Amino acid sequence: MDVILKDGTYHHFTPRVLDVLLDSHRVHKFKRSGGWATVGVDPVRTRKVLNGNGGYQGPERRTTQH
C-alpha cells in the first residue's frame, strides 16, 4: 500500500506493516481504493477498534495496486 509517513517520506508497505505504523501513529496518509486517506481527518480503522483483541478477523480486502 502507498503510504506517506509523518516525516514526509513516501513508501510502499504491506497491509500488515501499515497496521503497525497506524498503531504507532507514524502515518500521515495512505492510499486506498477511493483515494488518499488522511489520518486524523478521514475515518481510519485500527486493529484495536475492530474487535477489541488486537486483530481484524474478516477477509483481507486491501490490495497492493499500482
Protein backbone atom coordinates (compact mmCIF):
# COMPACT_ATOMS: atom_id res chain seq x y z
CA MET A 1 0.00 0.00 0.00
CA ASP A 2 1.21 3.51 -0.76
CA VAL A 3 1.93 5.43 2.44
CA ILE A 4 3.18 8.89 3.37
CA LEU A 5 4.69 8.98 6.84
CA LYS A 6 4.56 11.98 9.18
CA ASP A 7 8.18 12.78 8.26
CA GLY A 8 7.01 13.32 4.65
CA THR A 9 8.63 10.24 3.15
CA TYR A 10 6.75 8.07 0.64
CA HIS A 11 6.80 4.27 0.96
CA HIS A 12 5.05 1.14 -0.25
CA PHE A 13 4.18 -1.25 2.61
CA THR A 14 2.20 -4.43 3.07
CA PRO A 15 -1.16 -4.04 4.84
CA ARG A 16 0.31 -5.68 7.96
CA VAL A 17 3.12 -3.11 8.15
CA LEU A 18 0.58 -0.32 7.59
CA ASP A 19 -1.39 -1.61 10.59
CA VAL A 20 1.72 -1.47 12.79
CA LEU A 21 2.57 2.03 11.59
CA LEU A 22 -1.00 3.22 12.17
CA ASP A 23 -0.90 1.81 15.70
CA SER A 24 2.36 3.67 16.36
CA HIS A 25 0.94 6.96 14.97
CA ARG A 26 3.61 7.31 12.26
CA VAL A 27 1.31 7.55 9.22
CA HIS A 28 0.15 10.84 7.69
CA LYS A 29 -1.71 9.44 4.65
CA PHE A 30 -2.26 6.14 2.90
CA LYS A 31 -3.87 5.28 -0.40
CA ARG A 32 -6.98 3.15 -0.51
CA SER A 33 -9.36 2.27 -3.34
CA GLY A 34 -11.28 5.55 -3.03
CA GLY A 35 -8.16 7.73 -2.91
CA TRP A 36 -5.88 9.02 -0.18
CA ALA A 37 -6.98 8.76 3.45
CA THR A 38 -5.55 11.32 5.86
CA VAL A 39 -5.08 10.06 9.40
CA GLY A 40 -6.93 12.30 11.85
CA VAL A 41 -9.26 13.61 9.12
CA ASP A 42 -10.71 10.56 7.38
CA PRO A 43 -12.16 7.55 9.21
CA VAL A 44 -9.39 5.03 9.79
CA ARG A 45 -9.99 1.73 11.49
CA THR A 46 -7.31 0.20 13.65
CA ARG A 47 -6.82 -3.34 14.81
CA LYS A 48 -7.73 -2.46 18.41
CA VAL A 49 -11.02 -0.87 17.40
CA LEU A 50 -12.14 -3.67 15.11
CA ASN A 51 -12.66 -6.47 17.57
CA GLY A 52 -11.09 -5.46 20.86
CA ASN A 53 -8.40 -8.15 20.84
CA GLY A 54 -5.86 -6.61 18.51
CA GLY A 55 -6.76 -8.09 15.14
CA TYR A 56 -9.24 -7.91 12.31
CA GLN A 57 -10.87 -11.29 11.87
CA GLY A 58 -12.56 -10.70 8.49
CA PRO A 59 -11.24 -11.20 4.97
CA GLU A 60 -8.37 -9.05 3.68
CA ARG A 61 -9.92 -6.56 1.25
CA ARG A 62 -6.98 -4.23 0.87
CA THR A 63 -4.78 -4.75 -2.16
CA THR A 64 -1.38 -3.56 -3.23
CA GLN A 65 -2.46 -1.97 -6.50
CA HIS A 66 -0.28 0.41 -8.51
